[in-house]
C-alpha atoms as a PDB file:
ATOM      1  CA  UNK A   1      20.545  24.462  -4.885  1.00  0.00           C
ATOM      2  CA  UNK A   2      23.160  27.006  -5.892  1.00  0.00           C
ATOM      3  CA  UNK A   3      25.590  25.881  -3.197  1.00  0.00           C
ATOM      4  CA  UNK A   4      25.071  22.224  -4.088  1.00  0.00           C
ATOM      5  CA  UNK A   5      25.712  23.101  -7.718  1.00  0.00           C
ATOM      6  CA  UNK A   6      29.060  24.675  -6.876  1.00  0.00           C
ATOM      7  CA  UNK A   7      30.150  21.896  -4.557  1.00  0.00           C
ATOM      8  CA  UNK A   8      29.078  19.096  -6.870  1.00  0.00           C
ATOM      9  CA  UNK A   9      31.395  20.344  -9.611  1.00  0.00           C
ATOM     10  CA  UNK A  10      34.492  20.835  -7.468  1.00  0.00           C
ATOM     11  CA  UNK A  11      37.272  18.466  -8.488  1.00  0.00           C
ATOM     12  CA  UNK A  12      38.598  17.641  -5.045  1.00  0.00           C
ATOM     13  CA  UNK A  13      36.646  17.491  -1.792  1.00  0.00           C
ATOM     14  CA  UNK A  14      37.197  20.236   0.752  1.00  0.00           C
ATOM     15  CA  UNK A  15      37.233  19.712   4.460  1.00  0.00           C
ATOM     16  CA  UNK A  16      36.849  23.394   5.272  1.00  0.00           C
ATOM     17  CA  UNK A  17      35.071  26.458   3.931  1.00  0.00           C
ATOM     18  CA  UNK A  18      37.457  29.006   2.525  1.00  0.00           C
ATOM     19  CA  UNK A  19      36.816  32.730   2.032  1.00  0.00           C
ATOM     20  CA  UNK A  20      35.498  32.230  -1.520  1.00  0.00           C
ATOM     21  CA  UNK A  21      32.957  29.693  -0.305  1.00  0.00           C
ATOM     22  CA  UNK A  22      31.866  31.988   2.494  1.00  0.00           C
ATOM     23  CA  UNK A  23      31.365  34.901   0.090  1.00  0.00           C
ATOM     24  CA  UNK A  24      29.473  32.650  -2.309  1.00  0.00           C
ATOM     25  CA  UNK A  25      27.189  31.492   0.494  1.00  0.00           C
ATOM     26  CA  UNK A  26      26.586  35.054   1.684  1.00  0.00           C
ATOM     27  CA  UNK A  27      25.778  36.288  -1.835  1.00  0.00           C
ATOM     28  CA  UNK A  28      23.384  33.441  -2.537  1.00  0.00           C
ATOM     29  CA  UNK A  29      21.842  32.947   0.902  1.00  0.00           C
ATOM     30  CA  UNK A  30      18.805  35.096   0.151  1.00  0.00           C
ATOM     31  CA  UNK A  31      18.297  33.418  -3.219  1.00  0.00           C
ATOM     32  CA  UNK A  32      18.421  29.986  -1.578  1.00  0.00           C
ATOM     33  CA  UNK A  33      16.002  31.054   1.152  1.00  0.00           C
ATOM     34  CA  UNK A  34      13.582  32.537  -1.384  1.00  0.00           C
ATOM     35  CA  UNK A  35      13.775  29.355  -3.461  1.00  0.00           C
ATOM     36  CA  UNK A  36      13.110  27.234  -0.356  1.00  0.00           C
ATOM     37  CA  UNK A  37      10.136  29.389   0.623  1.00  0.00           C
ATOM     38  CA  UNK A  38       8.772  29.194  -2.925  1.00  0.00           C
ATOM     39  CA  UNK A  39       9.168  25.424  -2.934  1.00  0.00           C
ATOM     40  CA  UNK A  40       7.435  25.117   0.434  1.00  0.00           C
ATOM     41  CA  UNK A  41       4.563  27.327  -0.778  1.00  0.00           C
ATOM     42  CA  UNK A  42       4.185  25.255  -3.943  1.00  0.00           C
ATOM     43  CA  UNK A  43       4.207  22.038  -1.927  1.00  0.00           C
ATOM     44  CA  UNK A  44       1.524  23.458   0.379  1.00  0.00           C
ATOM     45  CA  UNK A  45      -0.601  24.394  -2.658  1.00  0.00           C
ATOM     46  CA  UNK A  46      -0.153  20.914  -4.096  1.00  0.00           C
ATOM     47  CA  UNK A  47      -1.098  19.372  -0.754  1.00  0.00           C
ATOM     48  CA  UNK A  48      -4.294  21.473  -0.574  1.00  0.00           C
ATOM     49  CA  UNK A  49      -5.195  20.512  -4.140  1.00  0.00           C
ATOM     50  CA  UNK A  50      -4.605  16.835  -3.378  1.00  0.00           C
ATOM     51  CA  UNK A  51      -6.788  17.113  -0.262  1.00  0.00           C
ATOM     52  CA  UNK A  52      -9.571  18.659  -2.365  1.00  0.00           C
ATOM     53  CA  UNK A  53      -9.205  15.959  -5.007  1.00  0.00           C
ATOM     54  CA  UNK A  54      -9.348  13.283  -2.311  1.00  0.00           C
ATOM     55  CA  UNK A  55     -12.559  14.788  -0.899  1.00  0.00           C
ATOM     56  CA  UNK A  56     -14.133  14.950  -4.357  1.00  0.00           C
ATOM     57  CA  UNK A  57     -13.129  11.369  -5.117  1.00  0.00           C
ATOM     58  CA  UNK A  58     -14.586  10.186  -1.804  1.00  0.00           C
ATOM     59  CA  UNK A  59     -17.856  11.999  -2.552  1.00  0.00           C
ATOM     60  CA  UNK A  60     -17.940  10.479  -6.023  1.00  0.00           C
ATOM     61  CA  UNK A  61     -17.277   7.028  -4.600  1.00  0.00           C
ATOM     62  CA  UNK A  62     -20.102   7.445  -2.078  1.00  0.00           C
ATOM     63  CA  UNK A  63     -22.478   8.505  -4.865  1.00  0.00           C
ATOM     64  CA  UNK A  64     -21.413   5.578  -7.030  1.00  0.00           C
ATOM     65  CA  UNK A  65     -21.897   3.171  -4.120  1.00  0.00           C
ATOM     66  CA  UNK A  66     -25.362   4.608  -3.453  1.00  0.00           C
ATOM     67  CA  UNK A  67     -26.223   4.356  -7.138  1.00  0.00           C
ATOM     68  CA  UNK A  68     -24.990   0.747  -7.248  1.00  0.00           C
ATOM     69  CA  UNK A  69     -27.155  -0.152  -4.239  1.00  0.00           C
ATOM     70  CA  UNK A  70     -30.209   1.526  -5.791  1.00  0.00           C
ATOM     71  CA  UNK A  71     -29.536  -0.256  -9.085  1.00  0.00           C
ATOM     72  CA  UNK A  72     -29.267  -3.606  -7.296  1.00  0.00           C
ATOM     73  CA  UNK A  73     -32.494  -2.888  -5.421  1.00  0.00           C
ATOM     74  CA  UNK A  74     -34.252  -1.974  -8.669  1.00  0.00           C
ATOM     75  CA  UNK A  75     -33.036  -5.140 -10.393  1.00  0.00           C
ATOM     76  CA  UNK A  76     -33.962  -7.282  -7.385  1.00  0.00           C
ATOM     77  CA  UNK A  77     -37.443  -5.748  -7.349  1.00  0.00           C
ATOM     78  CA  UNK A  78     -37.880  -6.478 -11.063  1.00  0.00           C
ATOM     79  CA  UNK A  79     -36.779 -10.089 -10.566  1.00  0.00           C
ATOM     80  CA  UNK A  80     -39.088 -10.456  -7.588  1.00  0.00           C
ATOM     81  CA  UNK A  81     -42.044  -9.012  -9.495  1.00  0.00           C
ATOM     82  CA  UNK A  82     -41.290 -11.284 -12.446  1.00  0.00           C
ATOM     83  CA  UNK A  83     -41.367 -14.306 -10.128  1.00  0.00           C
ATOM     84  CA  UNK A  84     -44.580 -13.169  -8.394  1.00  0.00           C
ATOM     85  CA  UNK A  85     -47.182 -12.544 -11.106  1.00  0.00           C
ATOM     86  CA  UNK A  86     -50.001 -11.956  -8.612  1.00  0.00           C
ATOM     87  CA  UNK A  87     -48.336  -8.720  -7.410  1.00  0.00           C
ATOM     88  CA  UNK A  88     -49.084  -5.853  -9.756  1.00  0.00           C
ATOM     89  CA  UNK A  89     -47.510  -2.401  -9.792  1.00  0.00           C
ATOM     90  CA  UNK A  90     -50.860  -0.891  -8.750  1.00  0.00           C
ATOM     91  CA  UNK A  91     -50.749  -2.790  -5.468  1.00  0.00           C
ATOM     92  CA  UNK A  92     -47.203  -1.597  -4.807  1.00  0.00           C
ATOM     93  CA  UNK A  93     -48.099   2.044  -5.348  1.00  0.00           C
ATOM     94  CA  UNK A  94     -50.881   2.051  -2.735  1.00  0.00           C
END
């Protein structure tokens, strides 16, 4: 975040933290922590939303599968009745 930004633009690598770095870290520690907490909260919200979407998609898939089975049954019944002229709808309804 802020610390990474400062370090990534330094021209030569440092093997130690000097006083300026320490002050920078202390000044920006709370900002970094708040940003991390905000990111974690947002990720948790996104995860909950994705879980809800997954549940809704599973329910929709189950409904579509049920509808497809009913549609196949209806078509099969029509084909069967077309092949068996002696069976009339009145006999089926009894």
